[in-house]
Structures are given as C-alpha cells and as structure tokens.
Amino acid sequence: MKKLAIIPARYASSRFPGKPLIDLDGKSMIQRVFEGVLNSNQFDEVVVATDDERIASHVKTIGGKAIITKASHESGTDRCGEVIESFTDFDIVVNIQGDEPLVDAEQLRVLLKAFEDSAVEIATLGSPKITSLDIQDANRIKVVVDHQSDALYFSRSPIPFERNKENYPFLKHIGLYGFRTKTLSKLVHLAPTHLEKTESLEQLRWMYYGYKIRVIETPIETPNIDTPEDVEIVLKQLRAL
C-alpha cells in the first residue's frame, strides 16, 4: 500500500492565530509535526496543506513539501480532500493535525496497520486511559464500539449513560484519522447533517451516510496545542525527552 501523510495547517486560528509558526525550543510547531511524521518512517510522502504563504514558505525552508489549498475549507478533512486530487496513486491517506508537535510513531503505525483488513475504509484511535473528569468534559470526545471495534457513536456527552454503575470501560477518542484515498474522495462531497452540527463532530456525518469507522485502541496520547496556555505543557514534555 502506498501511504500519504497530510498535515493541515491554518494560520488564522481563532483561538491562537499563527500557532503553526510558534517557537518550541528552537523549532516551529509545524516543523516538529512534520519531522515527527517523517521520522516515523511510515509514509511514502509527507506534505503540509495550508492556505497561508508564510507557512508554505517556512515548510520549504526546512526541506518539506507544502501545498497551498483554498482558504474556504471548513475542516482539515476538506483540505486533505483537495490535496489528494494531486496524489491519485496513493492508497491510504492519514490526516495528522498540525498542532500535534509530539506526534507518536507508534500511533501512526497501529493506525496504518488497521488497513491490512480490506473491509476498513476509515480508521481512528481510542484511548482507554480516561479519567472521570474526561468523561464529563465536553471537549473530550467519547466513543463506543461494536464487536468488531467499529464505532457505534461519538459524543461530547458521557456515553453510555451509566444507569447501572458497572464501571463501564469508557473510550476517549484521539483525533487521528486514516482513510482509503477513494473513500476520502467521497466523504468530502457529503452534505453536512443536523446530527453533525448538533455535536460539532464531522465524523458523525460519515457515519450518518453509512461509512464505518474502525477504532484502534492505544494507551498513547500526546498533547496538542489549541490555545497559548497549552504551550508550556508541551514544552515540559519536550524537555523531558
């Protein structure tokens, strides 16, 4: 299988403008993401997808490949969908968020391994390492799966509801996605749904239209940088490596 990694990176983040170019101990965040993915040795090609020339120019200075995409995309998935129009000979594409400077090679390996099953069209990760605070936190997405580890539902709410206190093994979603290229080409043309908008979770659109999402369990979770307050958390982990 020929595998492509795409790192979507926007400059105009509402909560943290310019964050792909922030300095993290001598390297920009986008450089750390790019190098982490490249050094995983899991992909035939790694590209950064951005709508900003500053990011594209910076990526080129570090020896990376950057593709300028439309500014109108509402999600990283849509940005990836535009990129694969130029990479039609790839079988698998993985969307790695550009705010994950500690991206882990083992996460990428187990995600890609899911596609050894020919039935898998979309794959993502879930962590059993979830606290009671995570379960109640609307910013920590929960997922329940069936006997084949395909997702039944994703939610910001605690799912399932514990009517009977039986210490249910909750699963926290980790937002790393792999797709068969032909599947992603179809997903980006699906109309948004009321369910997706209600939870603000784009994967519910795919499930609504009948696509299955294989959830691979992993104990590994790395911090992303969503706001300026997250920077110090990541720096502490970087300096501990």
C-alpha atoms as a PDB file:
ATOM      1  CA  MET A   1       0.000   0.000   0.000  1.00  0.00           C
ATOM      2  CA  LYS A   2       1.262   3.467  -0.882  1.00  0.00           C
ATOM      3  CA  LYS A   3       0.734   5.826   2.052  1.00  0.00           C
ATOM      4  CA  LEU A   4       0.457   9.606   2.146  1.00  0.00           C
ATOM      5  CA  ALA A   5       0.583  11.792   5.270  1.00  0.00           C
ATOM      6  CA  ILE A   6      -1.113  15.185   5.094  1.00  0.00           C
ATOM      7  CA  ILE A   7      -0.640  17.809   7.800  1.00  0.00           C
ATOM      8  CA  PRO A   8      -3.311  20.536   7.526  1.00  0.00           C
ATOM      9  CA  ALA A   9      -2.093  23.858   8.973  1.00  0.00           C
ATOM     10  CA  ARG A  10      -4.071  27.105   9.144  1.00  0.00           C
ATOM     11  CA  TYR A  11      -2.544  30.425  10.154  1.00  0.00           C
ATOM     12  CA  ALA A  12      -5.799  32.163  11.101  1.00  0.00           C
ATOM     13  CA  SER A  13      -6.811  30.110  14.140  1.00  0.00           C
ATOM     14  CA  SER A  14      -9.480  31.983  16.107  1.00  0.00           C
ATOM     15  CA  ARG A  15      -8.067  30.928  19.485  1.00  0.00           C
ATOM     16  CA  PHE A  16      -4.363  31.062  18.600  1.00  0.00           C
ATOM     17  CA  PRO A  17      -3.503  32.946  15.383  1.00  0.00           C
ATOM     18  CA  GLY A  18      -0.216  31.940  13.798  1.00  0.00           C
ATOM     19  CA  LYS A  19       0.280  28.893  16.001  1.00  0.00           C
ATOM     20  CA  PRO A  20       1.919  26.674  13.318  1.00  0.00           C
ATOM     21  CA  LEU A  21       4.889  29.058  13.359  1.00  0.00           C
ATOM     22  CA  ILE A  22       5.329  29.461  17.118  1.00  0.00           C
ATOM     23  CA  ASP A  23       8.746  28.538  18.507  1.00  0.00           C
ATOM     24  CA  LEU A  24       9.018  25.362  20.570  1.00  0.00           C
ATOM     25  CA  ASP A  25      12.566  25.144  21.872  1.00  0.00           C
ATOM     26  CA  GLY A  26      14.222  26.227  18.655  1.00  0.00           C
ATOM     27  CA  LYS A  27      11.858  24.690  16.127  1.00  0.00           C
ATOM     28  CA  SER A  28       8.472  25.834  14.894  1.00  0.00           C
ATOM     29  CA  MET A  29       5.458  23.748  15.794  1.00  0.00           C
ATOM     30  CA  ILE A  30       4.833  22.776  12.168  1.00  0.00           C
ATOM     31  CA  GLN A  31       8.477  21.693  11.850  1.00  0.00           C
ATOM     32  CA  ARG A  32       8.133  19.426  14.881  1.00  0.00           C
ATOM     33  CA  VAL A  33       4.958  17.876  13.474  1.00  0.00           C
ATOM     34  CA  PHE A  34       6.494  17.437  10.015  1.00  0.00           C
ATOM     35  CA  GLU A  35       9.710  15.898  11.351  1.00  0.00           C
ATOM     36  CA  GLY A  36       7.817  13.639  13.734  1.00  0.00           C
ATOM     37  CA  VAL A  37       5.718  12.238  10.888  1.00  0.00           C
ATOM     38  CA  LEU A  38       8.687  11.968   8.516  1.00  0.00           C
ATOM     39  CA  ASN A  39      10.874  10.225  11.104  1.00  0.00           C
ATOM     40  CA  SER A  40       8.152   7.675  11.846  1.00  0.00           C
ATOM     41  CA  ASN A  41       9.175   6.006   8.544  1.00  0.00           C
ATOM     42  CA  GLN A  42       5.565   5.010   7.947  1.00  0.00           C
ATOM     43  CA  PHE A  43       4.822   7.047   4.818  1.00  0.00           C
ATOM     44  CA  ASP A  44       5.907   7.249   1.209  1.00  0.00           C
ATOM     45  CA  GLU A  45       5.341  11.006   1.227  1.00  0.00           C
ATOM     46  CA  VAL A  46       4.581  13.733   3.774  1.00  0.00           C
ATOM     47  CA  VAL A  47       3.040  17.083   2.790  1.00  0.00           C
ATOM     48  CA  VAL A  48       1.761  20.138   4.642  1.00  0.00           C
ATOM     49  CA  ALA A  49      -1.557  21.528   3.387  1.00  0.00           C
ATOM     50  CA  THR A  50      -2.049  25.210   4.159  1.00  0.00           C
ATOM     51  CA  ASP A  51      -3.863  28.298   2.931  1.00  0.00           C
ATOM     52  CA  ASP A  52      -1.061  30.647   4.011  1.00  0.00           C
ATOM     53  CA  GLU A  53       2.120  31.548   2.132  1.00  0.00           C
ATOM     54  CA  ARG A  54       4.027  32.187   5.374  1.00  0.00           C
ATOM     55  CA  ILE A  55       3.525  28.595   6.464  1.00  0.00           C
ATOM     56  CA  ALA A  56       4.247  27.222   2.995  1.00  0.00           C
ATOM     57  CA  SER A  57       7.495  29.214   2.701  1.00  0.00           C
ATOM     58  CA  HIS A  58       8.628  28.114   6.145  1.00  0.00           C
ATOM     59  CA  VAL A  59       7.970  24.443   5.388  1.00  0.00           C
ATOM     60  CA  LYS A  60      10.042  24.706   2.215  1.00  0.00           C
ATOM     61  CA  THR A  61      12.966  26.228   4.162  1.00  0.00           C
ATOM     62  CA  ILE A  62      13.099  23.126   6.385  1.00  0.00           C
ATOM     63  CA  GLY A  63      13.128  20.836   3.352  1.00  0.00           C
ATOM     64  CA  GLY A  64       9.462  19.914   3.423  1.00  0.00           C
ATOM     65  CA  LYS A  65       6.743  19.930   0.790  1.00  0.00           C
ATOM     66  CA  ALA A  66       3.844  22.366   1.179  1.00  0.00           C
ATOM     67  CA  ILE A  67       0.718  22.687  -0.924  1.00  0.00           C
ATOM     68  CA  ILE A  68      -1.402  25.827  -0.959  1.00  0.00           C
ATOM     69  CA  THR A  69      -5.097  24.973  -0.656  1.00  0.00           C
ATOM     70  CA  LYS A  70      -8.278  27.014  -0.697  1.00  0.00           C
ATOM     71  CA  ALA A  71      -8.969  29.288   2.257  1.00  0.00           C
ATOM     72  CA  SER A  72     -12.643  28.313   2.254  1.00  0.00           C
ATOM     73  CA  HIS A  73     -12.217  24.799   3.686  1.00  0.00           C
ATOM     74  CA  GLU A  74     -14.134  24.307   6.920  1.00  0.00           C
ATOM     75  CA  SER A  75     -12.076  21.359   8.189  1.00  0.00           C
ATOM     76  CA  GLY A  76      -8.737  19.644   7.867  1.00  0.00           C
ATOM     77  CA  THR A  77     -10.528  16.739   6.195  1.00  0.00           C
ATOM     78  CA  ASP A  78     -11.757  19.018   3.418  1.00  0.00           C
ATOM     79  CA  ARG A  79      -8.220  20.380   3.000  1.00  0.00           C
ATOM     80  CA  CYS A  80      -6.918  16.819   2.691  1.00  0.00           C
ATOM     81  CA  GLY A  81      -9.602  16.113   0.122  1.00  0.00           C
ATOM     82  CA  GLU A  82      -8.241  18.873  -2.101  1.00  0.00           C
ATOM     83  CA  VAL A  83      -4.662  17.628  -1.743  1.00  0.00           C
ATOM     84  CA  ILE A  84      -5.391  14.049  -2.791  1.00  0.00           C
ATOM     85  CA  GLU A  85      -6.630  15.297  -6.154  1.00  0.00           C
ATOM     86  CA  SER A  86      -2.912  15.613  -6.963  1.00  0.00           C
ATOM     87  CA  PHE A  87      -1.911  12.271  -5.363  1.00  0.00           C
ATOM     88  CA  THR A  88      -4.203   9.822  -7.085  1.00  0.00           C
ATOM     89  CA  ASP A  89      -1.732   6.920  -6.953  1.00  0.00           C
ATOM     90  CA  PHE A  90      -1.797   6.673  -3.142  1.00  0.00           C
ATOM     91  CA  ASP A  91      -3.893   4.005  -1.426  1.00  0.00           C
ATOM     92  CA  ILE A  92      -4.021   5.356   2.142  1.00  0.00           C
ATOM     93  CA  VAL A  93      -4.010   8.925   3.425  1.00  0.00           C
ATOM     94  CA  VAL A  94      -3.595   9.952   7.061  1.00  0.00           C
ATOM     95  CA  ASN A  95      -4.665  13.344   8.386  1.00  0.00           C
ATOM     96  CA  ILE A  96      -2.259  14.457  11.129  1.00  0.00           C
ATOM     97  CA  GLN A  97      -3.279  17.700  12.796  1.00  0.00           C
ATOM     98  CA  GLY A  98      -0.736  20.496  12.557  1.00  0.00           C
ATOM     99  CA  ASP A  99      -0.973  21.242  16.276  1.00  0.00           C
ATOM    100  CA  GLU A 100       0.428  17.864  17.401  1.00  0.00           C
ATOM    101  CA  PRO A 101       4.157  18.581  17.881  1.00  0.00           C
ATOM    102  CA  LEU A 102       4.680  15.353  19.840  1.00  0.00           C
ATOM    103  CA  VAL A 103       3.043  13.085  17.256  1.00  0.00           C
ATOM    104  CA  ASP A 104       3.964   9.487  18.071  1.00  0.00           C
ATOM    105  CA  ALA A 105       5.302   6.969  15.538  1.00  0.00           C
ATOM    106  CA  GLU A 106       3.616   4.036  17.274  1.00  0.00           C
ATOM    107  CA  GLN A 107       0.223   5.717  16.982  1.00  0.00           C
ATOM    108  CA  LEU A 108       0.792   6.110  13.258  1.00  0.00           C
ATOM    109  CA  ARG A 109       1.945   2.504  12.911  1.00  0.00           C
ATOM    110  CA  VAL A 110      -1.099   0.956  14.589  1.00  0.00           C
ATOM    111  CA  LEU A 111      -3.454   3.258  12.694  1.00  0.00           C
ATOM    112  CA  LEU A 112      -1.982   2.186   9.345  1.00  0.00           C
ATOM    113  CA  LYS A 113      -1.993  -1.480  10.352  1.00  0.00           C
ATOM    114  CA  ALA A 114      -5.801  -1.311  10.525  1.00  0.00           C
ATOM    115  CA  PHE A 115      -5.882  -1.095   6.730  1.00  0.00           C
ATOM    116  CA  GLU A 116      -4.474  -4.614   6.421  1.00  0.00           C
ATOM    117  CA  ASP A 117      -8.154  -5.517   6.860  1.00  0.00           C
ATOM    118  CA  SER A 118      -9.631  -4.870   3.420  1.00  0.00           C
ATOM    119  CA  ALA A 119     -13.015  -4.045   4.992  1.00  0.00           C
ATOM    120  CA  VAL A 120     -11.634  -0.935   6.736  1.00  0.00           C
ATOM    121  CA  GLU A 121     -12.354   2.324   4.907  1.00  0.00           C
ATOM    122  CA  ILE A 122     -11.721   4.772   7.774  1.00  0.00           C
ATOM    123  CA  ALA A 123      -9.677   4.247  10.936  1.00  0.00           C
ATOM    124  CA  THR A 124      -9.061   6.301  14.048  1.00  0.00           C
ATOM    125  CA  LEU A 125      -7.748   5.832  17.589  1.00  0.00           C
ATOM    126  CA  GLY A 126      -9.290   5.498  21.037  1.00  0.00           C
ATOM    127  CA  SER A 127      -7.635   5.505  24.437  1.00  0.00           C
ATOM    128  CA  PRO A 128      -8.831   3.513  27.466  1.00  0.00           C
ATOM    129  CA  LYS A 129      -6.834   5.947  29.638  1.00  0.00           C
ATOM    130  CA  ILE A 130      -9.738   8.195  30.523  1.00  0.00           C
ATOM    131  CA  THR A 131     -10.497   9.942  33.803  1.00  0.00           C
ATOM    132  CA  SER A 132     -13.837  10.754  35.401  1.00  0.00           C
ATOM    133  CA  LEU A 133     -13.148  14.396  34.509  1.00  0.00           C
ATOM    134  CA  ASP A 134     -12.575  13.429  30.853  1.00  0.00           C
ATOM    135  CA  ILE A 135     -15.888  11.581  30.806  1.00  0.00           C
ATOM    136  CA  GLN A 136     -17.749  14.716  31.872  1.00  0.00           C
ATOM    137  CA  ASP A 137     -15.672  17.132  29.755  1.00  0.00           C
ATOM    138  CA  ALA A 138     -17.455  18.143  26.529  1.00  0.00           C
ATOM    139  CA  ASN A 139     -14.077  18.829  24.906  1.00  0.00           C
ATOM    140  CA  ARG A 140     -13.033  15.184  25.392  1.00  0.00           C
ATOM    141  CA  ILE A 141     -14.842  13.111  22.798  1.00  0.00           C
ATOM    142  CA  LYS A 142     -16.109   9.686  23.846  1.00  0.00           C
ATOM    143  CA  VAL A 143     -16.724   6.736  21.525  1.00  0.00           C
ATOM    144  CA  VAL A 144     -18.486   3.397  21.860  1.00  0.00           C
ATOM    145  CA  VAL A 145     -17.706   0.493  19.559  1.00  0.00           C
ATOM    146  CA  ASP A 146     -19.224  -2.785  18.407  1.00  0.00           C
ATOM    147  CA  HIS A 147     -17.759  -6.316  18.499  1.00  0.00           C
ATOM    148  CA  GLN A 148     -15.531  -5.541  15.515  1.00  0.00           C
ATOM    149  CA  SER A 149     -14.250  -2.301  17.074  1.00  0.00           C
ATOM    150  CA  ASP A 150     -16.223  -0.229  14.596  1.00  0.00           C
ATOM    151  CA  ALA A 151     -17.654   2.953  16.093  1.00  0.00           C
ATOM    152  CA  LEU A 152     -21.315   2.938  17.095  1.00  0.00           C
ATOM    153  CA  TYR A 153     -21.315   6.611  18.095  1.00  0.00           C
ATOM    154  CA  PHE A 154     -19.078   9.526  19.066  1.00  0.00           C
ATOM    155  CA  SER A 155     -20.249  12.147  21.537  1.00  0.00           C
ATOM    156  CA  ARG A 156     -19.247  15.044  23.741  1.00  0.00           C
ATOM    157  CA  SER A 157     -21.592  13.581  26.345  1.00  0.00           C
ATOM    158  CA  PRO A 158     -20.697  10.634  28.580  1.00  0.00           C
ATOM    159  CA  ILE A 159     -21.616   7.559  26.542  1.00  0.00           C
ATOM    160  CA  PRO A 160     -23.001   5.181  27.501  1.00  0.00           C
ATOM    161  CA  PHE A 161     -25.117   6.607  30.294  1.00  0.00           C
ATOM    162  CA  GLU A 162     -24.357   4.524  33.391  1.00  0.00           C
ATOM    163  CA  ARG A 163     -27.813   3.712  34.689  1.00  0.00           C
ATOM    164  CA  ASN A 164     -26.221   0.729  36.371  1.00  0.00           C
ATOM    165  CA  LYS A 165     -22.857   1.516  37.935  1.00  0.00           C
ATOM    166  CA  GLU A 166     -20.816  -1.282  36.396  1.00  0.00           C
ATOM    167  CA  ASN A 167     -17.503   0.521  35.761  1.00  0.00           C
ATOM    168  CA  TYR A 168     -18.028   0.640  32.020  1.00  0.00           C
ATOM    169  CA  PRO A 169     -14.715   0.779  30.066  1.00  0.00           C
ATOM    170  CA  PHE A 170     -15.135   4.233  28.539  1.00  0.00           C
ATOM    171  CA  LEU A 171     -13.037   5.066  25.496  1.00  0.00           C
ATOM    172  CA  LYS A 172     -11.658   8.520  24.717  1.00  0.00           C
ATOM    173  CA  HIS A 173     -11.341   9.426  21.049  1.00  0.00           C
ATOM    174  CA  ILE A 174      -7.953  10.546  19.723  1.00  0.00           C
ATOM    175  CA  GLY A 175      -8.448  12.654  16.601  1.00  0.00           C
ATOM    176  CA  LEU A 176      -6.032  10.995  14.198  1.00  0.00           C
ATOM    177  CA  TYR A 177      -7.710   9.683  11.031  1.00  0.00           C
ATOM    178  CA  GLY A 178      -6.677   7.346   8.250  1.00  0.00           C
ATOM    179  CA  PHE A 179      -8.694   6.876   5.065  1.00  0.00           C
ATOM    180  CA  ARG A 180      -8.583   4.846   1.923  1.00  0.00           C
ATOM    181  CA  THR A 181      -7.986   7.542  -0.679  1.00  0.00           C
ATOM    182  CA  LYS A 182     -11.044   6.583  -2.708  1.00  0.00           C
ATOM    183  CA  THR A 183     -13.168   6.818   0.449  1.00  0.00           C
ATOM    184  CA  LEU A 184     -11.896  10.273   1.383  1.00  0.00           C
ATOM    185  CA  SER A 185     -12.700  11.461  -2.146  1.00  0.00           C
ATOM    186  CA  LYS A 186     -16.325  10.531  -1.471  1.00  0.00           C
ATOM    187  CA  LEU A 187     -16.512  11.856   2.102  1.00  0.00           C
ATOM    188  CA  VAL A 188     -15.650  15.432   1.157  1.00  0.00           C
ATOM    189  CA  HIS A 189     -18.682  15.587  -1.118  1.00  0.00           C
ATOM    190  CA  LEU A 190     -21.212  14.513   1.526  1.00  0.00           C
ATOM    191  CA  ALA A 191     -23.701  17.151   2.642  1.00  0.00           C
ATOM    192  CA  PRO A 192     -23.445  18.263   6.295  1.00  0.00           C
ATOM    193  CA  THR A 193     -26.046  16.774   8.621  1.00  0.00           C
ATOM    194  CA  HIS A 194     -28.114  18.056  11.527  1.00  0.00           C
ATOM    195  CA  LEU A 195     -26.578  15.436  13.820  1.00  0.00           C
ATOM    196  CA  GLU A 196     -23.039  16.519  12.956  1.00  0.00           C
ATOM    197  CA  LYS A 197     -23.882  20.170  13.558  1.00  0.00           C
ATOM    198  CA  THR A 198     -25.545  19.386  16.882  1.00  0.00           C
ATOM    199  CA  GLU A 199     -22.447  17.728  18.351  1.00  0.00           C
ATOM    200  CA  SER A 200     -19.946  19.616  16.154  1.00  0.00           C
ATOM    201  CA  LEU A 201     -18.283  16.333  15.195  1.00  0.00           C
ATOM    202  CA  GLU A 202     -17.656  15.774  11.495  1.00  0.00           C
ATOM    203  CA  GLN A 203     -17.244  12.000  11.848  1.00  0.00           C
ATOM    204  CA  LEU A 204     -20.963  11.782  12.602  1.00  0.00           C
ATOM    205  CA  ARG A 205     -21.600  12.919   9.023  1.00  0.00           C
ATOM    206  CA  TRP A 206     -19.665   9.965   7.662  1.00  0.00           C
ATOM    207  CA  MET A 207     -21.485   7.526   9.929  1.00  0.00           C
ATOM    208  CA  TYR A 208     -24.856   9.056   9.072  1.00  0.00           C
ATOM    209  CA  TYR A 209     -24.248   8.172   5.429  1.00  0.00           C
ATOM    210  CA  GLY A 210     -23.275   4.601   6.303  1.00  0.00           C
ATOM    211  CA  TYR A 211     -19.481   4.659   6.492  1.00  0.00           C
ATOM    212  CA  LYS A 212     -17.883   2.539   9.207  1.00  0.00           C
ATOM    213  CA  ILE A 213     -15.009   3.849  11.328  1.00  0.00           C
ATOM    214  CA  ARG A 214     -12.618   1.291  12.809  1.00  0.00           C
ATOM    215  CA  VAL A 215     -11.374   2.367  16.260  1.00  0.00           C
ATOM    216  CA  ILE A 216      -7.935   1.088  17.263  1.00  0.00           C
ATOM    217  CA  GLU A 217      -7.123   1.167  20.972  1.00  0.00           C
ATOM    218  CA  THR A 218      -3.872   2.752  22.082  1.00  0.00           C
ATOM    219  CA  PRO A 219      -2.559   3.788  25.508  1.00  0.00           C
ATOM    220  CA  ILE A 220      -0.591   6.611  23.848  1.00  0.00           C
ATOM    221  CA  GLU A 221      -1.982  10.126  23.918  1.00  0.00           C
ATOM    222  CA  THR A 222       0.064  13.216  23.107  1.00  0.00           C
ATOM    223  CA  PRO A 223      -0.920  16.810  23.944  1.00  0.00           C
ATOM    224  CA  ASN A 224      -1.937  19.193  21.195  1.00  0.00           C
ATOM    225  CA  ILE A 225      -1.638  22.980  21.219  1.00  0.00           C
ATOM    226  CA  ASP A 226      -5.047  24.569  20.959  1.00  0.00           C
ATOM    227  CA  THR A 227      -4.501  27.752  22.985  1.00  0.00           C
ATOM    228  CA  PRO A 228      -1.443  29.718  24.209  1.00  0.00           C
ATOM    229  CA  GLU A 229      -1.907  28.083  27.624  1.00  0.00           C
ATOM    230  CA  ASP A 230      -1.128  24.679  26.100  1.00  0.00           C
ATOM    231  CA  VAL A 231       2.389  25.685  25.041  1.00  0.00           C
ATOM    232  CA  GLU A 232       4.010  25.209  28.441  1.00  0.00           C
ATOM    233  CA  ILE A 233       2.514  21.720  28.795  1.00  0.00           C
ATOM    234  CA  VAL A 234       4.129  20.672  25.520  1.00  0.00           C
ATOM    235  CA  LEU A 235       7.434  22.352  26.345  1.00  0.00           C
ATOM    236  CA  LYS A 236       7.645  20.435  29.607  1.00  0.00           C
ATOM    237  CA  GLN A 237       7.203  17.150  27.747  1.00  0.00           C
ATOM    238  CA  LEU A 238       9.686  18.151  25.040  1.00  0.00           C
ATOM    239  CA  ARG A 239      12.326  18.984  27.630  1.00  0.00           C
ATOM    240  CA  ALA A 240      11.737  15.672  29.388  1.00  0.00           C
ATOM    241  CA  LEU A 241      12.508  13.630  26.261  1.00  0.00           C
END
